[in-house]
N, C-alpha and C. Protein backbone atom coordinates (compact mmCIF):
# COMPACT_ATOMS: atom_id res chain seq x y z
N MET A 1 0.85 -1.17 0.00
CA MET A 1 0.00 0.00 0.00
C MET A 1 0.89 1.22 0.00
N ALA A 2 0.83 2.05 -1.03
CA ALA A 2 1.60 3.28 -1.07
C ALA A 2 1.02 4.27 -0.09
N ALA A 3 1.86 5.14 0.44
CA ALA A 3 1.38 6.07 1.45
C ALA A 3 1.95 7.45 1.20
N ASP A 4 1.15 8.46 1.48
CA ASP A 4 1.57 9.85 1.48
C ASP A 4 2.35 10.06 2.76
N GLN A 5 3.56 10.59 2.67
CA GLN A 5 4.40 10.70 3.86
C GLN A 5 4.19 11.99 4.65
N SER A 6 3.21 12.82 4.29
CA SER A 6 2.95 14.01 5.10
C SER A 6 2.28 13.58 6.40
N ALA A 7 2.85 14.01 7.51
CA ALA A 7 2.36 13.58 8.83
C ALA A 7 1.14 14.37 9.24
N PRO A 8 0.16 13.71 9.88
CA PRO A 8 -0.97 14.44 10.42
C PRO A 8 -0.50 15.28 11.60
N SER A 9 -1.22 16.35 11.88
CA SER A 9 -0.82 17.21 12.99
C SER A 9 -1.00 16.48 14.32
N GLU A 10 -0.23 16.90 15.31
CA GLU A 10 -0.28 16.29 16.64
C GLU A 10 -1.66 16.43 17.27
N GLU A 11 -2.37 17.52 16.96
CA GLU A 11 -3.67 17.79 17.56
C GLU A 11 -4.81 17.05 16.87
N GLU A 12 -4.54 16.47 15.71
CA GLU A 12 -5.61 15.85 14.95
C GLU A 12 -6.23 14.68 15.70
N LYS A 13 -7.55 14.65 15.72
CA LYS A 13 -8.31 13.61 16.40
C LYS A 13 -9.27 12.99 15.40
N PRO A 14 -9.66 11.73 15.61
CA PRO A 14 -10.63 11.11 14.70
C PRO A 14 -11.93 11.91 14.66
N GLN A 15 -12.49 12.00 13.46
CA GLN A 15 -13.78 12.66 13.26
C GLN A 15 -14.84 11.60 13.05
N GLY A 16 -15.96 11.75 13.71
CA GLY A 16 -17.07 10.81 13.55
C GLY A 16 -17.15 9.83 14.69
N GLU A 17 -17.96 8.81 14.47
CA GLU A 17 -18.24 7.80 15.49
C GLU A 17 -17.42 6.55 15.19
N LEU A 18 -16.83 5.96 16.23
CA LEU A 18 -16.11 4.71 16.05
C LEU A 18 -17.12 3.66 15.59
N THR A 19 -16.89 3.10 14.41
CA THR A 19 -17.85 2.20 13.78
C THR A 19 -17.33 0.77 13.66
N LEU A 20 -16.02 0.61 13.51
CA LEU A 20 -15.45 -0.72 13.31
C LEU A 20 -14.03 -0.75 13.85
N ARG A 21 -13.69 -1.86 14.52
CA ARG A 21 -12.30 -2.10 14.98
C ARG A 21 -11.93 -3.52 14.58
N THR A 22 -10.73 -3.65 14.00
CA THR A 22 -10.25 -4.97 13.63
C THR A 22 -8.72 -4.97 13.66
N MET A 23 -8.13 -6.14 13.78
CA MET A 23 -6.67 -6.23 13.83
C MET A 23 -6.12 -6.67 12.48
N ALA A 24 -5.06 -6.00 12.06
CA ALA A 24 -4.37 -6.36 10.83
C ALA A 24 -3.54 -7.62 11.07
N MET A 25 -3.72 -8.62 10.23
CA MET A 25 -3.09 -9.92 10.40
C MET A 25 -2.10 -10.22 9.27
N PRO A 26 -1.18 -11.15 9.48
CA PRO A 26 -0.16 -11.46 8.47
C PRO A 26 -0.72 -11.86 7.10
N ALA A 27 -1.85 -12.51 7.05
CA ALA A 27 -2.43 -12.94 5.77
C ALA A 27 -2.86 -11.77 4.89
N ASP A 28 -2.92 -10.57 5.45
CA ASP A 28 -3.39 -9.39 4.71
C ASP A 28 -2.25 -8.51 4.21
N THR A 29 -1.00 -9.04 4.19
CA THR A 29 0.15 -8.21 3.83
C THR A 29 0.63 -8.44 2.40
N ASN A 30 1.38 -7.44 1.94
CA ASN A 30 2.10 -7.57 0.68
C ASN A 30 3.52 -8.06 0.98
N ALA A 31 4.36 -8.16 -0.02
CA ALA A 31 5.72 -8.69 0.16
C ALA A 31 6.57 -7.82 1.08
N ALA A 32 6.25 -6.55 1.21
CA ALA A 32 7.01 -5.64 2.08
C ALA A 32 6.54 -5.71 3.53
N GLY A 33 5.48 -6.47 3.79
CA GLY A 33 4.98 -6.58 5.15
C GLY A 33 3.94 -5.55 5.52
N ASP A 34 3.56 -4.70 4.57
CA ASP A 34 2.49 -3.73 4.81
C ASP A 34 1.15 -4.36 4.46
N ILE A 35 0.12 -3.90 5.12
CA ILE A 35 -1.23 -4.39 4.84
C ILE A 35 -1.67 -3.84 3.48
N PHE A 36 -2.27 -4.71 2.66
CA PHE A 36 -2.78 -4.30 1.36
C PHE A 36 -3.79 -3.16 1.49
N GLY A 37 -3.71 -2.20 0.58
CA GLY A 37 -4.68 -1.11 0.55
C GLY A 37 -6.09 -1.63 0.33
N GLY A 38 -6.23 -2.70 -0.45
CA GLY A 38 -7.55 -3.28 -0.70
C GLY A 38 -8.19 -3.82 0.56
N TRP A 39 -7.38 -4.34 1.48
CA TRP A 39 -7.92 -4.82 2.76
C TRP A 39 -8.46 -3.64 3.57
N VAL A 40 -7.69 -2.54 3.60
CA VAL A 40 -8.15 -1.35 4.31
C VAL A 40 -9.43 -0.83 3.67
N LEU A 41 -9.46 -0.78 2.34
CA LEU A 41 -10.65 -0.33 1.62
C LEU A 41 -11.86 -1.20 1.98
N SER A 42 -11.69 -2.51 2.06
CA SER A 42 -12.83 -3.38 2.37
C SER A 42 -13.32 -3.16 3.79
N GLN A 43 -12.41 -2.88 4.73
CA GLN A 43 -12.84 -2.60 6.10
C GLN A 43 -13.60 -1.29 6.15
N MET A 44 -13.16 -0.31 5.37
CA MET A 44 -13.87 0.98 5.32
C MET A 44 -15.25 0.80 4.69
N ASP A 45 -15.35 -0.06 3.68
CA ASP A 45 -16.65 -0.33 3.06
C ASP A 45 -17.60 -0.96 4.07
N LEU A 46 -17.09 -1.89 4.89
CA LEU A 46 -17.92 -2.48 5.94
C LEU A 46 -18.43 -1.41 6.90
N ALA A 47 -17.52 -0.54 7.35
CA ALA A 47 -17.91 0.52 8.29
C ALA A 47 -18.91 1.48 7.64
N GLY A 48 -18.67 1.82 6.38
CA GLY A 48 -19.61 2.70 5.67
C GLY A 48 -20.98 2.08 5.56
N GLY A 49 -21.02 0.77 5.30
CA GLY A 49 -22.30 0.05 5.22
C GLY A 49 -23.03 0.04 6.55
N ILE A 50 -22.28 -0.10 7.65
CA ILE A 50 -22.89 -0.07 8.97
C ILE A 50 -23.50 1.29 9.24
N ALA A 51 -22.72 2.36 9.02
CA ALA A 51 -23.20 3.72 9.29
C ALA A 51 -24.39 4.08 8.40
N ALA A 52 -24.28 3.78 7.11
CA ALA A 52 -25.36 4.11 6.18
C ALA A 52 -26.60 3.27 6.45
N GLY A 53 -26.41 1.98 6.76
CA GLY A 53 -27.55 1.11 7.05
C GLY A 53 -28.31 1.57 8.28
N GLN A 54 -27.59 2.04 9.29
CA GLN A 54 -28.27 2.57 10.48
C GLN A 54 -29.07 3.81 10.13
N ARG A 55 -28.47 4.71 9.34
CA ARG A 55 -29.17 5.95 8.99
C ARG A 55 -30.34 5.67 8.06
N ALA A 56 -30.17 4.73 7.13
CA ALA A 56 -31.22 4.41 6.16
C ALA A 56 -32.26 3.46 6.73
N GLU A 57 -31.96 2.90 7.90
CA GLU A 57 -32.86 1.95 8.55
C GLU A 57 -33.14 0.75 7.64
N GLY A 58 -32.09 0.25 7.00
CA GLY A 58 -32.24 -0.90 6.13
C GLY A 58 -31.04 -1.11 5.24
N ARG A 59 -31.25 -1.89 4.22
CA ARG A 59 -30.20 -2.30 3.30
C ARG A 59 -29.65 -1.12 2.51
N VAL A 60 -28.33 -1.14 2.31
CA VAL A 60 -27.65 -0.12 1.50
C VAL A 60 -26.61 -0.80 0.61
N VAL A 61 -26.23 -0.11 -0.44
CA VAL A 61 -25.16 -0.58 -1.32
C VAL A 61 -24.19 0.57 -1.56
N THR A 62 -22.94 0.22 -1.81
CA THR A 62 -21.91 1.21 -2.13
C THR A 62 -21.99 1.50 -3.62
N ILE A 63 -22.05 2.80 -3.98
CA ILE A 63 -22.06 3.12 -5.41
C ILE A 63 -20.83 3.90 -5.84
N ALA A 64 -20.13 4.52 -4.88
CA ALA A 64 -18.93 5.28 -5.25
C ALA A 64 -18.00 5.41 -4.06
N VAL A 65 -16.71 5.47 -4.38
CA VAL A 65 -15.68 5.78 -3.40
C VAL A 65 -14.90 6.95 -3.99
N ASP A 66 -14.90 8.06 -3.29
CA ASP A 66 -14.24 9.28 -3.77
C ASP A 66 -13.18 9.74 -2.79
N LYS A 67 -12.20 10.44 -3.32
CA LYS A 67 -11.19 11.09 -2.50
C LYS A 67 -10.49 10.13 -1.55
N MET A 68 -10.23 8.92 -2.00
CA MET A 68 -9.52 7.94 -1.19
C MET A 68 -8.08 8.39 -1.07
N LYS A 69 -7.61 8.51 0.16
CA LYS A 69 -6.24 8.97 0.39
C LYS A 69 -5.58 8.04 1.40
N PHE A 70 -4.49 7.40 0.96
CA PHE A 70 -3.69 6.57 1.85
C PHE A 70 -2.59 7.47 2.41
N ILE A 71 -2.58 7.64 3.72
CA ILE A 71 -1.68 8.57 4.38
C ILE A 71 -0.46 7.87 4.96
N ARG A 72 -0.68 6.75 5.60
CA ARG A 72 0.37 5.97 6.25
C ARG A 72 0.08 4.48 6.03
N PRO A 73 1.10 3.63 6.03
CA PRO A 73 0.85 2.20 5.92
C PRO A 73 0.27 1.63 7.22
N VAL A 74 -0.41 0.51 7.08
CA VAL A 74 -0.91 -0.26 8.22
C VAL A 74 -0.01 -1.48 8.32
N HIS A 75 0.35 -1.85 9.55
CA HIS A 75 1.26 -2.97 9.76
C HIS A 75 0.57 -4.10 10.52
N VAL A 76 1.11 -5.29 10.39
CA VAL A 76 0.62 -6.44 11.15
C VAL A 76 0.64 -6.09 12.63
N GLY A 77 -0.45 -6.40 13.32
CA GLY A 77 -0.55 -6.13 14.74
C GLY A 77 -1.20 -4.81 15.07
N ASP A 78 -1.35 -3.92 14.08
CA ASP A 78 -2.06 -2.67 14.32
C ASP A 78 -3.55 -2.96 14.46
N VAL A 79 -4.21 -2.20 15.30
CA VAL A 79 -5.67 -2.27 15.38
C VAL A 79 -6.18 -1.15 14.49
N LEU A 80 -6.94 -1.51 13.47
CA LEU A 80 -7.52 -0.53 12.56
C LEU A 80 -8.86 -0.09 13.13
N CYS A 81 -8.99 1.21 13.41
CA CYS A 81 -10.20 1.80 13.96
C CYS A 81 -10.79 2.71 12.89
N ILE A 82 -12.05 2.44 12.51
CA ILE A 82 -12.67 3.23 11.45
C ILE A 82 -13.80 4.06 12.03
N TYR A 83 -13.73 5.35 11.77
CA TYR A 83 -14.70 6.32 12.25
C TYR A 83 -15.55 6.78 11.07
N SER A 84 -16.84 6.96 11.30
CA SER A 84 -17.73 7.37 10.22
C SER A 84 -18.59 8.54 10.65
N SER A 85 -18.94 9.35 9.67
CA SER A 85 -19.93 10.40 9.88
C SER A 85 -20.75 10.55 8.60
N VAL A 86 -22.05 10.71 8.79
CA VAL A 86 -22.97 10.87 7.66
C VAL A 86 -22.93 12.32 7.23
N GLY A 87 -22.69 12.52 5.95
CA GLY A 87 -22.67 13.87 5.39
C GLY A 87 -23.99 14.16 4.69
N ARG A 88 -23.89 14.56 3.44
CA ARG A 88 -25.06 14.93 2.65
C ARG A 88 -26.00 13.74 2.49
N ILE A 89 -27.28 13.99 2.65
CA ILE A 89 -28.30 12.97 2.43
C ILE A 89 -29.20 13.44 1.30
N GLY A 90 -29.28 12.62 0.27
CA GLY A 90 -30.18 12.91 -0.84
C GLY A 90 -31.47 12.12 -0.69
N ARG A 91 -32.19 11.93 -1.77
CA ARG A 91 -33.44 11.17 -1.70
C ARG A 91 -33.17 9.72 -1.30
N SER A 92 -32.24 9.07 -1.99
CA SER A 92 -31.90 7.67 -1.67
C SER A 92 -30.43 7.47 -1.36
N SER A 93 -29.61 8.49 -1.55
CA SER A 93 -28.17 8.35 -1.35
C SER A 93 -27.68 9.11 -0.12
N MET A 94 -26.53 8.70 0.35
CA MET A 94 -25.88 9.35 1.49
C MET A 94 -24.39 9.37 1.25
N GLU A 95 -23.74 10.45 1.65
CA GLU A 95 -22.29 10.50 1.64
C GLU A 95 -21.82 10.15 3.05
N ILE A 96 -20.89 9.22 3.13
CA ILE A 96 -20.35 8.78 4.42
C ILE A 96 -18.85 9.09 4.42
N LEU A 97 -18.44 9.98 5.31
CA LEU A 97 -17.02 10.28 5.47
C LEU A 97 -16.42 9.24 6.39
N LEU A 98 -15.35 8.60 5.94
CA LEU A 98 -14.70 7.56 6.72
C LEU A 98 -13.23 7.91 6.94
N GLU A 99 -12.79 7.69 8.17
CA GLU A 99 -11.38 7.85 8.52
C GLU A 99 -10.92 6.55 9.16
N ALA A 100 -9.76 6.07 8.72
CA ALA A 100 -9.17 4.87 9.33
C ALA A 100 -7.94 5.31 10.11
N TRP A 101 -7.89 4.89 11.35
CA TRP A 101 -6.78 5.19 12.25
C TRP A 101 -6.18 3.88 12.72
N ALA A 102 -4.86 3.83 12.80
CA ALA A 102 -4.18 2.63 13.29
C ALA A 102 -3.71 2.87 14.72
N LEU A 103 -4.08 1.96 15.58
CA LEU A 103 -3.53 1.93 16.93
C LEU A 103 -2.30 1.04 16.82
N ARG A 104 -1.14 1.65 16.83
CA ARG A 104 0.11 0.95 16.54
C ARG A 104 0.42 -0.12 17.58
N HIS A 105 0.75 -1.30 17.10
CA HIS A 105 1.16 -2.43 17.94
C HIS A 105 0.12 -2.72 19.03
N ARG A 106 -1.15 -2.54 18.72
CA ARG A 106 -2.31 -2.81 19.58
C ARG A 106 -2.45 -1.87 20.76
N TYR A 107 -1.37 -1.26 21.24
CA TYR A 107 -1.46 -0.44 22.45
C TYR A 107 -0.85 0.94 22.28
N GLY A 108 -0.14 1.16 21.20
CA GLY A 108 0.69 2.36 21.06
C GLY A 108 -0.05 3.59 20.59
N THR A 109 0.68 4.39 19.87
CA THR A 109 0.15 5.66 19.39
C THR A 109 -0.91 5.43 18.32
N ARG A 110 -1.75 6.42 18.13
CA ARG A 110 -2.81 6.35 17.13
C ARG A 110 -2.43 7.29 15.99
N GLU A 111 -2.48 6.77 14.75
CA GLU A 111 -2.17 7.57 13.56
C GLU A 111 -3.26 7.41 12.53
N LYS A 112 -3.61 8.51 11.90
CA LYS A 112 -4.56 8.45 10.79
C LYS A 112 -3.85 7.82 9.60
N VAL A 113 -4.47 6.78 9.01
CA VAL A 113 -3.82 6.07 7.91
C VAL A 113 -4.54 6.23 6.57
N THR A 114 -5.84 6.42 6.59
CA THR A 114 -6.61 6.49 5.35
C THR A 114 -7.88 7.31 5.58
N GLN A 115 -8.33 7.98 4.55
CA GLN A 115 -9.62 8.66 4.61
C GLN A 115 -10.28 8.57 3.23
N ALA A 116 -11.60 8.62 3.22
CA ALA A 116 -12.33 8.56 1.95
C ALA A 116 -13.77 9.00 2.16
N MET A 117 -14.42 9.33 1.07
CA MET A 117 -15.85 9.62 1.04
C MET A 117 -16.52 8.50 0.25
N PHE A 118 -17.44 7.80 0.89
CA PHE A 118 -18.20 6.74 0.24
C PHE A 118 -19.61 7.25 -0.01
N THR A 119 -20.17 6.92 -1.16
CA THR A 119 -21.57 7.21 -1.42
C THR A 119 -22.33 5.89 -1.38
N MET A 120 -23.35 5.86 -0.53
CA MET A 120 -24.16 4.66 -0.33
C MET A 120 -25.59 4.99 -0.75
N VAL A 121 -26.30 3.99 -1.25
CA VAL A 121 -27.69 4.16 -1.66
C VAL A 121 -28.55 3.17 -0.89
N ALA A 122 -29.64 3.67 -0.34
CA ALA A 122 -30.61 2.80 0.33
C ALA A 122 -31.38 2.05 -0.76
N VAL A 123 -31.53 0.73 -0.55
CA VAL A 123 -32.25 -0.09 -1.53
C VAL A 123 -33.31 -0.94 -0.83
N ASP A 124 -34.31 -1.33 -1.61
CA ASP A 124 -35.36 -2.20 -1.06
C ASP A 124 -34.94 -3.66 -1.21
N GLU A 125 -35.83 -4.57 -0.87
CA GLU A 125 -35.50 -6.00 -0.91
C GLU A 125 -35.21 -6.51 -2.32
N ASP A 126 -35.62 -5.75 -3.35
CA ASP A 126 -35.34 -6.13 -4.74
C ASP A 126 -34.10 -5.42 -5.29
N GLY A 127 -33.42 -4.64 -4.43
CA GLY A 127 -32.22 -3.95 -4.86
C GLY A 127 -32.46 -2.64 -5.59
N ARG A 128 -33.69 -2.15 -5.55
CA ARG A 128 -34.01 -0.86 -6.19
C ARG A 128 -33.87 0.27 -5.18
N PRO A 129 -33.40 1.44 -5.64
CA PRO A 129 -33.26 2.57 -4.72
C PRO A 129 -34.59 2.89 -4.02
N ARG A 130 -34.49 3.25 -2.76
CA ARG A 130 -35.65 3.65 -1.97
C ARG A 130 -35.28 4.90 -1.18
N PRO A 131 -36.26 5.67 -0.76
CA PRO A 131 -35.95 6.90 -0.02
C PRO A 131 -35.30 6.61 1.33
N VAL A 132 -34.37 7.47 1.70
CA VAL A 132 -33.79 7.45 3.04
C VAL A 132 -34.84 8.10 3.95
N PRO A 133 -35.19 7.47 5.07
CA PRO A 133 -36.19 8.09 5.96
C PRO A 133 -35.79 9.50 6.37
N ASN A 134 -36.75 10.40 6.36
CA ASN A 134 -36.52 11.79 6.73
C ASN A 134 -36.47 11.92 8.24
N ARG A 135 -35.40 12.52 8.75
CA ARG A 135 -35.26 12.79 10.18
C ARG A 135 -35.14 14.28 10.41
N GLY A 136 -35.81 15.03 9.57
CA GLY A 136 -35.75 16.48 9.71
C GLY A 136 -34.66 17.14 8.88
N GLU A 137 -33.77 16.34 8.23
CA GLU A 137 -32.76 16.91 7.36
C GLU A 137 -33.41 17.26 6.03
N THR A 138 -32.82 18.18 5.32
CA THR A 138 -33.32 18.52 3.99
C THR A 138 -32.63 17.63 2.96
N ALA A 139 -33.40 17.07 2.04
CA ALA A 139 -32.84 16.22 0.98
C ALA A 139 -32.42 17.11 -0.19
N ASP A 140 -31.37 16.69 -0.87
CA ASP A 140 -30.91 17.40 -2.08
C ASP A 140 -31.69 16.92 -3.28
């Protein structure tokens, strides 16, 4: 997994709600010993589905991943913590901002490793788009 070497600021804190925690294991590495970016992406997709499904009160599907940025590598033994926040809500779609943070060596420092914007669509039992329930937000 290639990484942008610009360091996050010392004051930076995770944004959103902790949605998923999992440990990076040896089977998920490339030849250099770093965790594959695709594994991180799949964990973020799971977290996005959880957040969007809760907001949509039902089934959702991923339709787009935008602005994916790999900031730091994830290593074996790191605990990957994914934070989510619901952004714009349309008629059937939602933007979910996801941040992945690594808790180094299970107990150590926390570093932001990846961020992305996922677009999820609420669907019915036949897989057709359905409205996201209105909770007082304005739809686009």
